[in-house]
Amino acid sequence: MALNRAIAIGQRDGPRRGLEEIRAIADSGRLTKYRFYHASLGEFELRRGRPKIAREHFYAALDLARNPMEPRFLHQRASACGAVDPSQSC
């Protein structure tokens, strides 16, 4: 899958490159409904030092969470970005 490849490149070459690869995926429109797409963007944005943007991606992933463990993890990642929006709940 192209997203896995993009994440691997970002792990190897840094968050900026990972973001470039994710955004270059030809079928990225379909990925907007995939929670790991948003979580990946959040991780790379956080690593780039852009916590506000990262938090938005983690909340987008949270809206798509499918099992009880995912919201917990995504709330933790959003918390790592700084103040958490109290209107967002698990």
PDB file of N, CA and C in Angstrom:
ATOM      1  N   MET A   1       0.845  -1.184   0.000  1.00  0.00           N
ATOM      2  CA  MET A   1       0.000   0.000   0.000  1.00  0.00           C
ATOM      3  C   MET A   1       0.890   1.247   0.000  1.00  0.00           C
ATOM      4  N   ALA A   2       0.472   2.237  -0.725  1.00  0.00           N
ATOM      5  CA  ALA A   2       1.245   3.466  -0.882  1.00  0.00           C
ATOM      6  C   ALA A   2       1.425   4.208   0.443  1.00  0.00           C
ATOM      7  N   LEU A   3       0.427   4.154   1.318  1.00  0.00           N
ATOM      8  CA  LEU A   3       0.557   4.842   2.603  1.00  0.00           C
ATOM      9  C   LEU A   3       1.670   4.218   3.439  1.00  0.00           C
ATOM     10  N   ASN A   4       1.750   2.914   3.462  1.00  0.00           N
ATOM     11  CA  ASN A   4       2.820   2.243   4.209  1.00  0.00           C
ATOM     12  C   ASN A   4       4.192   2.644   3.678  1.00  0.00           C
ATOM     13  N   ARG A   5       4.302   2.727   2.378  1.00  0.00           N
ATOM     14  CA  ARG A   5       5.563   3.137   1.762  1.00  0.00           C
ATOM     15  C   ARG A   5       5.915   4.573   2.160  1.00  0.00           C
ATOM     16  N   ALA A   6       4.931   5.445   2.119  1.00  0.00           N
ATOM     17  CA  ALA A   6       5.153   6.846   2.480  1.00  0.00           C
ATOM     18  C   ALA A   6       5.587   6.968   3.937  1.00  0.00           C
ATOM     19  N   ILE A   7       4.976   6.198   4.814  1.00  0.00           N
ATOM     20  CA  ILE A   7       5.337   6.227   6.236  1.00  0.00           C
ATOM     21  C   ILE A   7       6.769   5.735   6.414  1.00  0.00           C
ATOM     22  N   ALA A   8       7.121   4.663   5.725  1.00  0.00           N
ATOM     23  CA  ALA A   8       8.482   4.128   5.828  1.00  0.00           C
ATOM     24  C   ALA A   8       9.507   5.155   5.356  1.00  0.00           C
ATOM     25  N   ILE A   9       9.209   5.829   4.275  1.00  0.00           N
ATOM     26  CA  ILE A   9      10.123   6.866   3.776  1.00  0.00           C
ATOM     27  C   ILE A   9      10.246   7.980   4.805  1.00  0.00           C
ATOM     28  N   GLY A  10       9.129   8.370   5.411  1.00  0.00           N
ATOM     29  CA  GLY A  10       9.166   9.406   6.444  1.00  0.00           C
ATOM     30  C   GLY A  10       9.964   8.983   7.660  1.00  0.00           C
ATOM     31  N   GLN A  11       9.874   7.718   8.022  1.00  0.00           N
ATOM     32  CA  GLN A  11      10.669   7.219   9.140  1.00  0.00           C
ATOM     33  C   GLN A  11      12.157   7.268   8.804  1.00  0.00           C
ATOM     34  N   ARG A  12      12.468   6.953   7.576  1.00  0.00           N
ATOM     35  CA  ARG A  12      13.872   6.938   7.154  1.00  0.00           C
ATOM     36  C   ARG A  12      14.425   8.336   6.892  1.00  0.00           C
ATOM     37  N   ASP A  13      13.637   9.160   6.181  1.00  0.00           N
ATOM     38  CA  ASP A  13      14.156  10.437   5.682  1.00  0.00           C
ATOM     39  C   ASP A  13      13.655  11.662   6.435  1.00  0.00           C
ATOM     40  N   GLY A  14      12.789  11.460   7.400  1.00  0.00           N
ATOM     41  CA  GLY A  14      12.302  12.576   8.198  1.00  0.00           C
ATOM     42  C   GLY A  14      10.857  12.940   7.899  1.00  0.00           C
ATOM     43  N   PRO A  15      10.243  13.692   8.821  1.00  0.00           N
ATOM     44  CA  PRO A  15       8.814  13.991   8.720  1.00  0.00           C
ATOM     45  C   PRO A  15       8.423  14.825   7.502  1.00  0.00           C
ATOM     46  N   ARG A  16       9.253  15.740   7.114  1.00  0.00           N
ATOM     47  CA  ARG A  16       8.918  16.562   5.942  1.00  0.00           C
ATOM     48  C   ARG A  16       8.782  15.679   4.704  1.00  0.00           C
ATOM     49  N   ARG A  17       9.713  14.779   4.550  1.00  0.00           N
ATOM     50  CA  ARG A  17       9.680  13.873   3.389  1.00  0.00           C
ATOM     51  C   ARG A  17       8.482  12.930   3.471  1.00  0.00           C
ATOM     52  N   GLY A  18       8.171  12.471   4.675  1.00  0.00           N
ATOM     53  CA  GLY A  18       7.009  11.613   4.853  1.00  0.00           C
ATOM     54  C   GLY A  18       5.728  12.310   4.448  1.00  0.00           C
ATOM     55  N   LEU A  19       5.587  13.561   4.858  1.00  0.00           N
ATOM     56  CA  LEU A  19       4.405  14.339   4.479  1.00  0.00           C
ATOM     57  C   LEU A  19       4.316  14.523   2.973  1.00  0.00           C
ATOM     58  N   GLU A  20       5.450  14.781   2.348  1.00  0.00           N
ATOM     59  CA  GLU A  20       5.471  14.924   0.885  1.00  0.00           C
ATOM     60  C   GLU A  20       4.997  13.642   0.212  1.00  0.00           C
ATOM     61  N   GLU A  21       5.482  12.519   0.705  1.00  0.00           N
ATOM     62  CA  GLU A  21       5.111  11.232   0.112  1.00  0.00           C
ATOM     63  C   GLU A  21       3.629  10.927   0.315  1.00  0.00           C
ATOM     64  N   ILE A  22       3.121  11.205   1.501  1.00  0.00           N
ATOM     65  CA  ILE A  22       1.702  10.954   1.765  1.00  0.00           C
ATOM     66  C   ILE A  22       0.840  11.811   0.852  1.00  0.00           C
ATOM     67  N   ARG A  23       1.194  13.072   0.725  1.00  0.00           N
ATOM     68  CA  ARG A  23       0.396  13.979  -0.097  1.00  0.00           C
ATOM     69  C   ARG A  23       0.511  13.677  -1.584  1.00  0.00           C
ATOM     70  N   ALA A  24       1.545  12.941  -1.971  1.00  0.00           N
ATOM     71  CA  ALA A  24       1.746  12.601  -3.383  1.00  0.00           C
ATOM     72  C   ALA A  24       0.996  11.328  -3.786  1.00  0.00           C
ATOM     73  N   ILE A  25       0.366  10.666  -2.850  1.00  0.00           N
ATOM     74  CA  ILE A  25      -0.364   9.446  -3.171  1.00  0.00           C
ATOM     75  C   ILE A  25      -1.501   9.792  -4.129  1.00  0.00           C
ATOM     76  N   ALA A  26      -1.544   9.094  -5.238  1.00  0.00           N
ATOM     77  CA  ALA A  26      -2.503   9.413  -6.307  1.00  0.00           C
ATOM     78  C   ALA A  26      -3.954   9.308  -5.846  1.00  0.00           C
ATOM     79  N   ASP A  27      -4.265   8.347  -5.020  1.00  0.00           N
ATOM     80  CA  ASP A  27      -5.645   8.107  -4.604  1.00  0.00           C
ATOM     81  C   ASP A  27      -5.880   8.625  -3.182  1.00  0.00           C
ATOM     82  N   SER A  28      -5.288   9.764  -2.854  1.00  0.00           N
ATOM     83  CA  SER A  28      -5.382  10.261  -1.477  1.00  0.00           C
ATOM     84  C   SER A  28      -6.800  10.668  -1.096  1.00  0.00           C
ATOM     85  N   GLY A  29      -7.646  10.992  -2.057  1.00  0.00           N
ATOM     86  CA  GLY A  29      -9.032  11.326  -1.752  1.00  0.00           C
ATOM     87  C   GLY A  29      -9.750  10.192  -1.037  1.00  0.00           C
ATOM     88  N   ARG A  30      -9.485   8.990  -1.479  1.00  0.00           N
ATOM     89  CA  ARG A  30     -10.079   7.823  -0.837  1.00  0.00           C
ATOM     90  C   ARG A  30      -9.520   7.616   0.574  1.00  0.00           C
ATOM     91  N   LEU A  31      -8.291   8.018   0.783  1.00  0.00           N
ATOM     92  CA  LEU A  31      -7.646   7.835   2.087  1.00  0.00           C
ATOM     93  C   LEU A  31      -8.216   8.735   3.179  1.00  0.00           C
ATOM     94  N   THR A  32      -8.933   9.773   2.809  1.00  0.00           N
ATOM     95  CA  THR A  32      -9.457  10.687   3.821  1.00  0.00           C
ATOM     96  C   THR A  32     -10.451  10.010   4.760  1.00  0.00           C
ATOM     97  N   LYS A  33     -10.940   8.851   4.388  1.00  0.00           N
ATOM     98  CA  LYS A  33     -11.853   8.088   5.243  1.00  0.00           C
ATOM     99  C   LYS A  33     -11.118   6.993   6.022  1.00  0.00           C
ATOM    100  N   TYR A  34      -9.797   7.013   5.971  1.00  0.00           N
ATOM    101  CA  TYR A  34      -8.970   5.992   6.602  1.00  0.00           C
ATOM    102  C   TYR A  34      -8.253   6.603   7.798  1.00  0.00           C
ATOM    103  N   ARG A  35      -8.528   6.100   8.985  1.00  0.00           N
ATOM    104  CA  ARG A  35      -8.012   6.701  10.216  1.00  0.00           C
ATOM    105  C   ARG A  35      -6.489   6.748  10.269  1.00  0.00           C
ATOM    106  N   PHE A  36      -5.816   5.758   9.698  1.00  0.00           N
ATOM    107  CA  PHE A  36      -4.362   5.742   9.767  1.00  0.00           C
ATOM    108  C   PHE A  36      -3.729   6.784   8.855  1.00  0.00           C
ATOM    109  N   TYR A  37      -4.452   7.219   7.859  1.00  0.00           N
ATOM    110  CA  TYR A  37      -3.990   8.327   7.012  1.00  0.00           C
ATOM    111  C   TYR A  37      -3.859   9.583   7.865  1.00  0.00           C
ATOM    112  N   HIS A  38      -4.919   9.894   8.600  1.00  0.00           N
ATOM    113  CA  HIS A  38      -4.906  11.093   9.434  1.00  0.00           C
ATOM    114  C   HIS A  38      -3.918  10.959  10.588  1.00  0.00           C
ATOM    115  N   ALA A  39      -3.847   9.777  11.185  1.00  0.00           N
ATOM    116  CA  ALA A  39      -2.901   9.563  12.282  1.00  0.00           C
ATOM    117  C   ALA A  39      -1.463   9.729  11.796  1.00  0.00           C
ATOM    118  N   SER A  40      -1.175   9.258  10.595  1.00  0.00           N
ATOM    119  CA  SER A  40       0.171   9.406  10.024  1.00  0.00           C
ATOM    120  C   SER A  40       0.511  10.871   9.784  1.00  0.00           C
ATOM    121  N   LEU A  41      -0.442  11.599   9.220  1.00  0.00           N
ATOM    122  CA  LEU A  41      -0.221  13.035   9.023  1.00  0.00           C
ATOM    123  C   LEU A  41       0.014  13.719  10.365  1.00  0.00           C
ATOM    124  N   GLY A  42      -0.765  13.338  11.373  1.00  0.00           N
ATOM    125  CA  GLY A  42      -0.597  13.915  12.704  1.00  0.00           C
ATOM    126  C   GLY A  42       0.784  13.647  13.273  1.00  0.00           C
ATOM    127  N   GLU A  43       1.250  12.428  13.153  1.00  0.00           N
ATOM    128  CA  GLU A  43       2.581  12.090  13.679  1.00  0.00           C
ATOM    129  C   GLU A  43       3.669  12.907  12.994  1.00  0.00           C
ATOM    130  N   PHE A  44       3.615  12.974  11.682  1.00  0.00           N
ATOM    131  CA  PHE A  44       4.653  13.717  10.971  1.00  0.00           C
ATOM    132  C   PHE A  44       4.570  15.221  11.250  1.00  0.00           C
ATOM    133  N   GLU A  45       3.373  15.759  11.351  1.00  0.00           N
ATOM    134  CA  GLU A  45       3.240  17.186  11.664  1.00  0.00           C
ATOM    135  C   GLU A  45       3.760  17.470  13.077  1.00  0.00           C
ATOM    136  N   LEU A  46       3.473  16.584  14.012  1.00  0.00           N
ATOM    137  CA  LEU A  46       3.978  16.761  15.373  1.00  0.00           C
ATOM    138  C   LEU A  46       5.500  16.725  15.387  1.00  0.00           C
ATOM    139  N   ARG A  47       6.071  15.808  14.655  1.00  0.00           N
ATOM    140  CA  ARG A  47       7.536  15.715  14.579  1.00  0.00           C
ATOM    141  C   ARG A  47       8.155  16.921  13.896  1.00  0.00           C
ATOM    142  N   ARG A  48       7.387  17.573  13.048  1.00  0.00           N
ATOM    143  CA  ARG A  48       7.876  18.799  12.394  1.00  0.00           C
ATOM    144  C   ARG A  48       7.740  20.018  13.290  1.00  0.00           C
ATOM    145  N   GLY A  49       7.127  19.835  14.449  1.00  0.00           N
ATOM    146  CA  GLY A  49       6.955  20.955  15.359  1.00  0.00           C
ATOM    147  C   GLY A  49       5.715  21.773  15.082  1.00  0.00           C
ATOM    148  N   ARG A  50       4.702  21.155  14.500  1.00  0.00           N
ATOM    149  CA  ARG A  50       3.457  21.841  14.175  1.00  0.00           C
ATOM    150  C   ARG A  50       2.301  21.178  14.933  1.00  0.00           C
ATOM    151  N   PRO A  51       2.271  21.378  16.258  1.00  0.00           N
ATOM    152  CA  PRO A  51       1.297  20.660  17.094  1.00  0.00           C
ATOM    153  C   PRO A  51      -0.163  20.983  16.801  1.00  0.00           C
ATOM    154  N   LYS A  52      -0.475  22.207  16.421  1.00  0.00           N
ATOM    155  CA  LYS A  52      -1.869  22.557  16.153  1.00  0.00           C
ATOM    156  C   LYS A  52      -2.408  21.762  14.958  1.00  0.00           C
ATOM    157  N   ILE A  53      -1.627  21.692  13.902  1.00  0.00           N
ATOM    158  CA  ILE A  53      -2.026  20.931  12.721  1.00  0.00           C
ATOM    159  C   ILE A  53      -2.072  19.449  13.054  1.00  0.00           C
ATOM    160  N   ALA A  54      -1.095  18.975  13.813  1.00  0.00           N
ATOM    161  CA  ALA A  54      -1.064  17.566  14.207  1.00  0.00           C
ATOM    162  C   ALA A  54      -2.317  17.204  14.986  1.00  0.00           C
ATOM    163  N   ARG A  55      -2.699  18.048  15.926  1.00  0.00           N
ATOM    164  CA  ARG A  55      -3.883  17.790  16.745  1.00  0.00           C
ATOM    165  C   ARG A  55      -5.131  17.662  15.864  1.00  0.00           C
ATOM    166  N   GLU A  56      -5.258  18.507  14.861  1.00  0.00           N
ATOM    167  CA  GLU A  56      -6.402  18.433  13.944  1.00  0.00           C
ATOM    168  C   GLU A  56      -6.446  17.078  13.231  1.00  0.00           C
ATOM    169  N   HIS A  57      -5.285  16.583  12.830  1.00  0.00           N
ATOM    170  CA  HIS A  57      -5.238  15.276  12.169  1.00  0.00           C
ATOM    171  C   HIS A  57      -5.589  14.152  13.144  1.00  0.00           C
ATOM    172  N   PHE A  58      -5.106  14.255  14.386  1.00  0.00           N
ATOM    173  CA  PHE A  58      -5.447  13.221  15.368  1.00  0.00           C
ATOM    174  C   PHE A  58      -6.942  13.211  15.656  1.00  0.00           C
ATOM    175  N   TYR A  59      -7.563  14.379  15.712  1.00  0.00           N
ATOM    176  CA  TYR A  59      -9.015  14.429  15.918  1.00  0.00           C
ATOM    177  C   TYR A  59      -9.766  13.860  14.707  1.00  0.00           C
ATOM    178  N   ALA A  60      -9.255  14.104  13.515  1.00  0.00           N
ATOM    179  CA  ALA A  60      -9.882  13.516  12.323  1.00  0.00           C
ATOM    180  C   ALA A  60      -9.792  11.993  12.379  1.00  0.00           C
ATOM    181  N   ALA A  61      -8.653  11.480  12.814  1.00  0.00           N
ATOM    182  CA  ALA A  61      -8.497  10.034  12.966  1.00  0.00           C
ATOM    183  C   ALA A  61      -9.425   9.512  14.056  1.00  0.00           C
ATOM    184  N   LEU A  62      -9.564  10.282  15.111  1.00  0.00           N
ATOM    185  CA  LEU A  62     -10.432   9.892  16.224  1.00  0.00           C
ATOM    186  C   LEU A  62     -11.875   9.716  15.760  1.00  0.00           C
ATOM    187  N   ASP A  63     -12.326  10.586  14.889  1.00  0.00           N
ATOM    188  CA  ASP A  63     -13.690  10.479  14.353  1.00  0.00           C
ATOM    189  C   ASP A  63     -13.908   9.188  13.561  1.00  0.00           C
ATOM    190  N   LEU A  64     -12.823   8.584  13.095  1.00  0.00           N
ATOM    191  CA  LEU A  64     -12.908   7.372  12.279  1.00  0.00           C
ATOM    192  C   LEU A  64     -12.515   6.113  13.049  1.00  0.00           C
ATOM    193  N   ALA A  65     -12.220   6.264  14.331  1.00  0.00           N
ATOM    194  CA  ALA A  65     -11.763   5.125  15.140  1.00  0.00           C
ATOM    195  C   ALA A  65     -12.788   4.002  15.121  1.00  0.00           C
ATOM    196  N   ARG A  66     -12.285   2.767  15.157  1.00  0.00           N
ATOM    197  CA  ARG A  66     -13.166   1.613  15.009  1.00  0.00           C
ATOM    198  C   ARG A  66     -13.241   0.722  16.240  1.00  0.00           C
ATOM    199  N   ASN A  67     -12.299   0.811  17.140  1.00  0.00           N
ATOM    200  CA  ASN A  67     -12.338  -0.054  18.314  1.00  0.00           C
ATOM    201  C   ASN A  67     -11.991   0.760  19.562  1.00  0.00           C
ATOM    202  N   PRO A  68     -12.242   0.254  20.745  1.00  0.00           N
ATOM    203  CA  PRO A  68     -12.059   1.033  21.979  1.00  0.00           C
ATOM    204  C   PRO A  68     -10.624   1.483  22.245  1.00  0.00           C
ATOM    205  N   MET A  69      -9.648   0.794  21.726  1.00  0.00           N
ATOM    206  CA  MET A  69      -8.258   1.164  21.979  1.00  0.00           C
ATOM    207  C   MET A  69      -7.813   2.371  21.150  1.00  0.00           C
ATOM    208  N   GLU A  70      -8.335   2.510  19.975  1.00  0.00           N
ATOM    209  CA  GLU A  70      -7.909   3.594  19.099  1.00  0.00           C
ATOM    210  C   GLU A  70      -8.208   4.970  19.680  1.00  0.00           C
ATOM    211  N   PRO A  71      -9.412   5.228  20.214  1.00  0.00           N
ATOM    212  CA  PRO A  71      -9.651   6.557  20.791  1.00  0.00           C
ATOM    213  C   PRO A  71      -8.687   6.894  21.925  1.00  0.00           C
ATOM    214  N   ARG A  72      -8.381   5.913  22.742  1.00  0.00           N
ATOM    215  CA  ARG A  72      -7.434   6.156  23.833  1.00  0.00           C
ATOM    216  C   ARG A  72      -6.077   6.581  23.292  1.00  0.00           C
ATOM    217  N   PHE A  73      -5.589   5.833  22.327  1.00  0.00           N
ATOM    218  CA  PHE A  73      -4.295   6.141  21.732  1.00  0.00           C
ATOM    219  C   PHE A  73      -4.313   7.518  21.059  1.00  0.00           C
ATOM    220  N   LEU A  74      -5.361   7.791  20.298  1.00  0.00           N
ATOM    221  CA  LEU A  74      -5.433   9.057  19.569  1.00  0.00           C
ATOM    222  C   LEU A  74      -5.583  10.244  20.505  1.00  0.00           C
ATOM    223  N   HIS A  75      -6.294  10.066  21.612  1.00  0.00           N
ATOM    224  CA  HIS A  75      -6.357  11.137  22.613  1.00  0.00           C
ATOM    225  C   HIS A  75      -4.980  11.384  23.229  1.00  0.00           C
ATOM    226  N   GLN A  76      -4.223  10.335  23.449  1.00  0.00           N
ATOM    227  CA  GLN A  76      -2.863  10.499  23.966  1.00  0.00           C
ATOM    228  C   GLN A  76      -2.000  11.282  22.985  1.00  0.00           C
ATOM    229  N   ARG A  77      -2.128  10.961  21.713  1.00  0.00           N
ATOM    230  CA  ARG A  77      -1.333  11.670  20.706  1.00  0.00           C
ATOM    231  C   ARG A  77      -1.777  13.128  20.609  1.00  0.00           C
ATOM    232  N   ALA A  78      -3.083  13.376  20.678  1.00  0.00           N
ATOM    233  CA  ALA A  78      -3.573  14.756  20.660  1.00  0.00           C
ATOM    234  C   ALA A  78      -3.068  15.504  21.889  1.00  0.00           C
ATOM    235  N   SER A  79      -3.035  14.837  23.032  1.00  0.00           N
ATOM    236  CA  SER A  79      -2.533  15.460  24.263  1.00  0.00           C
ATOM    237  C   SER A  79      -1.062  15.822  24.133  1.00  0.00           C
ATOM    238  N   ALA A  80      -0.320  15.019  23.392  1.00  0.00           N
ATOM    239  CA  ALA A  80       1.100  15.305  23.172  1.00  0.00           C
ATOM    240  C   ALA A  80       1.289  16.593  22.373  1.00  0.00           C
ATOM    241  N   CYS A  81       0.228  17.065  21.744  1.00  0.00           N
ATOM    242  CA  CYS A  81       0.285  18.289  20.935  1.00  0.00           C
ATOM    243  C   CYS A  81       0.028  19.542  21.776  1.00  0.00           C
ATOM    244  N   GLY A  82      -0.287  19.371  23.032  1.00  0.00           N
ATOM    245  CA  GLY A  82      -0.598  20.521  23.870  1.00  0.00           C
ATOM    246  C   GLY A  82      -2.027  20.438  24.356  1.00  0.00           C
ATOM    247  N   ALA A  83      -2.620  21.566  24.581  1.00  0.00           N
ATOM    248  CA  ALA A  83      -3.986  21.618  25.136  1.00  0.00           C
ATOM    249  C   ALA A  83      -4.956  20.845  24.255  1.00  0.00           C
ATOM    250  N   VAL A  84      -5.737  20.008  24.880  1.00  0.00           N
ATOM    251  CA  VAL A  84      -6.724  19.208  24.166  1.00  0.00           C
ATOM    252  C   VAL A  84      -8.067  19.924  24.185  1.00  0.00           C
ATOM    253  N   ASP A  85      -8.732  19.938  23.077  1.00  0.00           N
ATOM    254  CA  ASP A  85     -10.056  20.558  22.952  1.00  0.00           C
ATOM    255  C   ASP A  85     -11.058  19.783  23.804  1.00  0.00           C
ATOM    256  N   PRO A  86     -11.630  20.398  24.842  1.00  0.00           N
ATOM    257  CA  PRO A  86     -12.538  19.674  25.713  1.00  0.00           C
ATOM    258  C   PRO A  86     -13.833  19.243  25.023  1.00  0.00           C
ATOM    259  N   SER A  87     -14.163  19.799  23.877  1.00  0.00           N
ATOM    260  CA  SER A  87     -15.379  19.386  23.167  1.00  0.00           C
ATOM    261  C   SER A  87     -15.202  18.025  22.496  1.00  0.00           C
ATOM    262  N   GLN A  88     -13.963  17.590  22.349  1.00  0.00           N
ATOM    263  CA  GLN A  88     -13.694  16.277  21.769  1.00  0.00           C
ATOM    264  C   GLN A  88     -13.727  15.245  22.875  1.00  0.00           C
ATOM    265  N   SER A  89     -14.506  14.212  22.711  1.00  0.00           N
ATOM    266  CA  SER A  89     -14.597  13.186  23.747  1.00  0.00           C
ATOM    267  C   SER A  89     -14.314  11.827  23.163  1.00  0.00           C
ATOM    268  N   CYS A  90     -13.963  10.904  24.065  1.00  0.00           N
ATOM    269  CA  CYS A  90     -13.720   9.509  23.633  1.00  0.00           C
ATOM    270  C   CYS A  90     -15.034   8.924  23.379  1.00  0.00           C
TER     271      CYS A  90
END
